[in-house]
Amino acid sequence: MRQINIDMATDKTAYWLDIADYDLDTAEAMYKTGRWLYVAFMCHQVIEKTLKAYWCATQPNDPPYTHNHKRLADGCGLYQLLSSDQREFIETITNYNTEARYPEDKEELARTLTPNACRQIIDDTKQLQQWIKEHLPATRPSNSSADTSES
């Protein structure tokens, strides 16, 4: 079982990546048990948290309290780097946050979430998560004045 790094104060990027990876494991577990709504919801969480990790690695401020992937990707400068397929996936998966939570949307969403559709959602989530990780800067901005030593 994966351990989660809960010390967000030390490294916010690592924190968000750890819980995104944990959520991906949860999506896989939900897939194995046939809980299709939760596969979609957890994949939404994976992308949201990976985007927040990218935000923390590239921006001087904390990410906003939002579940909107486009807003996150746009706010940290990643959206313009995404392919049209990645943008379309972000828009689609953003909807799973709301649709998996509210009764009036669950039934309609449940009809579209077949085992094959959920496998594709997991695979697309893994691909996008990996792509975002590959675009993380090698060095991250520091807010600490202690890191400004001269060499």
C-alpha atoms as a PDB file:
ATOM      1  CA  MET A   1       0.000   0.000   0.000  1.00  0.00           C
ATOM      2  CA  ARG A   2       1.269   3.445  -0.935  1.00  0.00           C
ATOM      3  CA  GLN A   3       2.065   5.906   1.848  1.00  0.00           C
ATOM      4  CA  ILE A   4       1.012   9.527   1.394  1.00  0.00           C
ATOM      5  CA  ASN A   5       3.431  12.366   2.098  1.00  0.00           C
ATOM      6  CA  ILE A   6       1.272  14.621   4.271  1.00  0.00           C
ATOM      7  CA  ASP A   7       3.947  17.207   5.046  1.00  0.00           C
ATOM      8  CA  MET A   8       2.669  19.780   2.573  1.00  0.00           C
ATOM      9  CA  ALA A   9       4.696  22.559   4.188  1.00  0.00           C
ATOM     10  CA  THR A  10       7.986  20.946   3.173  1.00  0.00           C
ATOM     11  CA  ASP A  11       7.310  20.337  -0.519  1.00  0.00           C
ATOM     12  CA  LYS A  12       3.879  21.155  -1.900  1.00  0.00           C
ATOM     13  CA  THR A  13       4.701  19.708  -5.301  1.00  0.00           C
ATOM     14  CA  ALA A  14       5.654  16.344  -3.798  1.00  0.00           C
ATOM     15  CA  TYR A  15       2.547  16.437  -1.613  1.00  0.00           C
ATOM     16  CA  TRP A  16       0.209  16.878  -4.582  1.00  0.00           C
ATOM     17  CA  LEU A  17       2.047  14.250  -6.641  1.00  0.00           C
ATOM     18  CA  ASP A  18       1.889  11.732  -3.793  1.00  0.00           C
ATOM     19  CA  ILE A  19      -1.845  12.062  -3.350  1.00  0.00           C
ATOM     20  CA  ALA A  20      -2.419  12.044  -7.119  1.00  0.00           C
ATOM     21  CA  ASP A  21      -0.550   8.728  -7.338  1.00  0.00           C
ATOM     22  CA  TYR A  22      -2.584   7.402  -4.408  1.00  0.00           C
ATOM     23  CA  ASP A  23      -5.794   8.431  -6.178  1.00  0.00           C
ATOM     24  CA  LEU A  24      -4.642   6.644  -9.334  1.00  0.00           C
ATOM     25  CA  ASP A  25      -4.156   3.466  -7.293  1.00  0.00           C
ATOM     26  CA  THR A  26      -7.667   4.004  -5.919  1.00  0.00           C
ATOM     27  CA  ALA A  27      -9.079   4.373  -9.442  1.00  0.00           C
ATOM     28  CA  GLU A  28      -7.472   1.045 -10.369  1.00  0.00           C
ATOM     29  CA  ALA A  29      -8.950  -0.575  -7.234  1.00  0.00           C
ATOM     30  CA  MET A  30     -12.387   0.813  -8.107  1.00  0.00           C
ATOM     31  CA  TYR A  31     -11.998  -0.563 -11.633  1.00  0.00           C
ATOM     32  CA  LYS A  32     -11.266  -4.053 -10.281  1.00  0.00           C
ATOM     33  CA  THR A  33     -14.459  -3.928  -8.201  1.00  0.00           C
ATOM     34  CA  GLY A  34     -16.636  -2.482 -10.976  1.00  0.00           C
ATOM     35  CA  ARG A  35     -17.342   0.847  -9.308  1.00  0.00           C
ATOM     36  CA  TRP A  36     -17.411   2.810 -12.516  1.00  0.00           C
ATOM     37  CA  LEU A  37     -18.573   6.176 -11.126  1.00  0.00           C
ATOM     38  CA  TYR A  38     -15.664   6.166  -8.709  1.00  0.00           C
ATOM     39  CA  VAL A  39     -13.183   5.274 -11.430  1.00  0.00           C
ATOM     40  CA  ALA A  40     -14.180   8.454 -13.263  1.00  0.00           C
ATOM     41  CA  PHE A  41     -14.246  10.546 -10.093  1.00  0.00           C
ATOM     42  CA  MET A  42     -10.818   9.359  -8.924  1.00  0.00           C
ATOM     43  CA  CYS A  43      -9.317   9.978 -12.376  1.00  0.00           C
ATOM     44  CA  HIS A  44     -10.655  13.520 -12.148  1.00  0.00           C
ATOM     45  CA  GLN A  45      -8.881  13.821  -8.790  1.00  0.00           C
ATOM     46  CA  VAL A  46      -5.617  12.503 -10.257  1.00  0.00           C
ATOM     47  CA  ILE A  47      -5.526  15.180 -12.944  1.00  0.00           C
ATOM     48  CA  GLU A  48      -6.620  17.944 -10.565  1.00  0.00           C
ATOM     49  CA  LYS A  49      -3.899  17.107  -8.051  1.00  0.00           C
ATOM     50  CA  THR A  50      -1.233  16.665 -10.718  1.00  0.00           C
ATOM     51  CA  LEU A  51      -2.133  20.089 -12.097  1.00  0.00           C
ATOM     52  CA  LYS A  52      -1.873  21.526  -8.587  1.00  0.00           C
ATOM     53  CA  ALA A  53       1.584  19.939  -8.277  1.00  0.00           C
ATOM     54  CA  TYR A  54       2.619  21.613 -11.527  1.00  0.00           C
ATOM     55  CA  TRP A  55       1.186  24.896 -10.257  1.00  0.00           C
ATOM     56  CA  CYS A  56       3.233  24.642  -7.037  1.00  0.00           C
ATOM     57  CA  ALA A  57       6.369  23.853  -9.040  1.00  0.00           C
ATOM     58  CA  THR A  58       5.983  26.815 -11.373  1.00  0.00           C
ATOM     59  CA  GLN A  59       4.061  29.556  -9.573  1.00  0.00           C
ATOM     60  CA  PRO A  60       4.965  31.658  -6.529  1.00  0.00           C
ATOM     61  CA  ASN A  61       1.454  31.382  -5.048  1.00  0.00           C
ATOM     62  CA  ASP A  62      -0.672  28.401  -4.020  1.00  0.00           C
ATOM     63  CA  PRO A  63      -3.151  26.956  -6.507  1.00  0.00           C
ATOM     64  CA  PRO A  64      -6.731  28.209  -6.269  1.00  0.00           C
ATOM     65  CA  TYR A  65      -9.438  26.208  -4.553  1.00  0.00           C
ATOM     66  CA  THR A  66     -11.045  24.886  -7.714  1.00  0.00           C
ATOM     67  CA  HIS A  67     -11.863  21.581  -9.360  1.00  0.00           C
ATOM     68  CA  ASN A  68     -11.789  23.107 -12.826  1.00  0.00           C
ATOM     69  CA  HIS A  69      -8.888  21.589 -14.750  1.00  0.00           C
ATOM     70  CA  LYS A  70      -8.881  24.204 -17.497  1.00  0.00           C
ATOM     71  CA  ARG A  71      -8.661  26.993 -14.923  1.00  0.00           C
ATOM     72  CA  LEU A  72      -5.762  25.253 -13.191  1.00  0.00           C
ATOM     73  CA  ALA A  73      -3.905  24.466 -16.416  1.00  0.00           C
ATOM     74  CA  ASP A  74      -4.437  27.961 -17.767  1.00  0.00           C
ATOM     75  CA  GLY A  75      -3.448  29.656 -14.510  1.00  0.00           C
ATOM     76  CA  CYS A  76      -0.079  27.925 -14.335  1.00  0.00           C
ATOM     77  CA  GLY A  77       0.738  28.347 -18.025  1.00  0.00           C
ATOM     78  CA  LEU A  78       0.315  24.683 -18.955  1.00  0.00           C
ATOM     79  CA  TYR A  79      -2.881  24.920 -20.990  1.00  0.00           C
ATOM     80  CA  GLN A  80      -1.231  26.406 -24.082  1.00  0.00           C
ATOM     81  CA  LEU A  81       1.226  23.484 -24.126  1.00  0.00           C
ATOM     82  CA  LEU A  82      -1.530  20.867 -24.219  1.00  0.00           C
ATOM     83  CA  SER A  83      -2.511  19.167 -27.459  1.00  0.00           C
ATOM     84  CA  SER A  84      -6.106  19.457 -28.640  1.00  0.00           C
ATOM     85  CA  ASP A  85      -6.727  15.856 -27.474  1.00  0.00           C
ATOM     86  CA  GLN A  86      -5.343  16.672 -24.018  1.00  0.00           C
ATOM     87  CA  ARG A  87      -7.515  19.792 -23.826  1.00  0.00           C
ATOM     88  CA  GLU A  88     -10.572  17.788 -24.789  1.00  0.00           C
ATOM     89  CA  PHE A  89      -9.751  15.161 -22.152  1.00  0.00           C
ATOM     90  CA  ILE A  90      -9.337  17.864 -19.485  1.00  0.00           C
ATOM     91  CA  GLU A  91     -12.756  19.294 -20.337  1.00  0.00           C
ATOM     92  CA  THR A  92     -14.370  15.855 -20.281  1.00  0.00           C
ATOM     93  CA  ILE A  93     -12.800  14.670 -17.052  1.00  0.00           C
ATOM     94  CA  THR A  94     -13.557  17.944 -15.247  1.00  0.00           C
ATOM     95  CA  ASN A  95     -17.243  17.063 -15.563  1.00  0.00           C
ATOM     96  CA  TYR A  96     -16.742  13.792 -13.671  1.00  0.00           C
ATOM     97  CA  ASN A  97     -16.189  15.734 -10.467  1.00  0.00           C
ATOM     98  CA  THR A  98     -19.723  17.108 -10.454  1.00  0.00           C
ATOM     99  CA  GLU A  99     -21.508  14.349 -12.299  1.00  0.00           C
ATOM    100  CA  ALA A 100     -20.182  11.620 -10.003  1.00  0.00           C
ATOM    101  CA  ARG A 101     -21.341  13.511  -6.900  1.00  0.00           C
ATOM    102  CA  TYR A 102     -24.863  14.717  -7.578  1.00  0.00           C
ATOM    103  CA  PRO A 103     -27.859  12.356  -7.889  1.00  0.00           C
ATOM    104  CA  GLU A 104     -29.432  14.119 -10.852  1.00  0.00           C
ATOM    105  CA  ASP A 105     -26.239  13.531 -12.873  1.00  0.00           C
ATOM    106  CA  LYS A 106     -25.153  10.131 -11.571  1.00  0.00           C
ATOM    107  CA  GLU A 107     -27.685   8.050 -13.480  1.00  0.00           C
ATOM    108  CA  GLU A 108     -26.863   9.609 -16.846  1.00  0.00           C
ATOM    109  CA  LEU A 109     -23.113   9.348 -16.223  1.00  0.00           C
ATOM    110  CA  ALA A 110     -23.423   5.745 -15.015  1.00  0.00           C
ATOM    111  CA  ARG A 111     -24.934   4.746 -18.378  1.00  0.00           C
ATOM    112  CA  THR A 112     -21.807   5.949 -20.191  1.00  0.00           C
ATOM    113  CA  LEU A 113     -19.250   4.373 -17.849  1.00  0.00           C
ATOM    114  CA  THR A 114     -18.779   0.879 -19.194  1.00  0.00           C
ATOM    115  CA  PRO A 115     -15.771  -1.268 -18.275  1.00  0.00           C
ATOM    116  CA  ASN A 116     -14.152  -0.368 -21.619  1.00  0.00           C
ATOM    117  CA  ALA A 117     -14.863   3.355 -21.184  1.00  0.00           C
ATOM    118  CA  CYS A 118     -13.398   3.281 -17.670  1.00  0.00           C
ATOM    119  CA  ARG A 119     -10.278   1.464 -18.845  1.00  0.00           C
ATOM    120  CA  GLN A 120      -9.825   4.196 -21.455  1.00  0.00           C
ATOM    121  CA  ILE A 121     -10.338   6.921 -18.823  1.00  0.00           C
ATOM    122  CA  ILE A 122      -7.665   5.341 -16.613  1.00  0.00           C
ATOM    123  CA  ASP A 123      -5.261   4.967 -19.541  1.00  0.00           C
ATOM    124  CA  ASP A 124      -5.834   8.559 -20.688  1.00  0.00           C
ATOM    125  CA  THR A 125      -5.397   9.764 -17.109  1.00  0.00           C
ATOM    126  CA  LYS A 126      -2.084   7.931 -16.795  1.00  0.00           C
ATOM    127  CA  GLN A 127      -0.847   9.390 -20.080  1.00  0.00           C
ATOM    128  CA  LEU A 128      -1.790  12.956 -19.172  1.00  0.00           C
ATOM    129  CA  GLN A 129      -0.419  12.625 -15.649  1.00  0.00           C
ATOM    130  CA  GLN A 130       2.890  11.368 -17.016  1.00  0.00           C
ATOM    131  CA  TRP A 131       3.015  14.158 -19.598  1.00  0.00           C
ATOM    132  CA  ILE A 132       2.492  16.780 -16.879  1.00  0.00           C
ATOM    133  CA  LYS A 133       5.179  15.181 -14.698  1.00  0.00           C
ATOM    134  CA  GLU A 134       7.603  15.271 -17.626  1.00  0.00           C
ATOM    135  CA  HIS A 135       6.985  19.018 -17.938  1.00  0.00           C
ATOM    136  CA  LEU A 136       7.771  19.755 -14.296  1.00  0.00           C
ATOM    137  CA  PRO A 137      10.821  22.001 -13.993  1.00  0.00           C
ATOM    138  CA  ALA A 138      14.015  20.324 -12.781  1.00  0.00           C
ATOM    139  CA  THR A 139      14.376  22.989 -10.125  1.00  0.00           C
ATOM    140  CA  ARG A 140      11.450  24.529  -8.379  1.00  0.00           C
ATOM    141  CA  PRO A 141      10.996  28.129  -7.285  1.00  0.00           C
ATOM    142  CA  SER A 142      11.780  28.699  -3.648  1.00  0.00           C
ATOM    143  CA  ASN A 143      10.079  31.135  -1.326  1.00  0.00           C
ATOM    144  CA  SER A 144      12.875  30.836   1.209  1.00  0.00           C
ATOM    145  CA  SER A 145      15.546  33.527   1.464  1.00  0.00           C
ATOM    146  CA  ALA A 146      17.861  30.859   2.866  1.00  0.00           C
ATOM    147  CA  ASP A 147      18.112  29.388  -0.616  1.00  0.00           C
ATOM    148  CA  THR A 148      19.767  32.489  -2.075  1.00  0.00           C
ATOM    149  CA  SER A 149      23.319  31.595  -1.160  1.00  0.00           C
ATOM    150  CA  GLU A 150      26.079  32.780  -3.475  1.00  0.00           C
ATOM    151  CA  SER A 151      28.463  30.333  -5.086  1.00  0.00           C
END
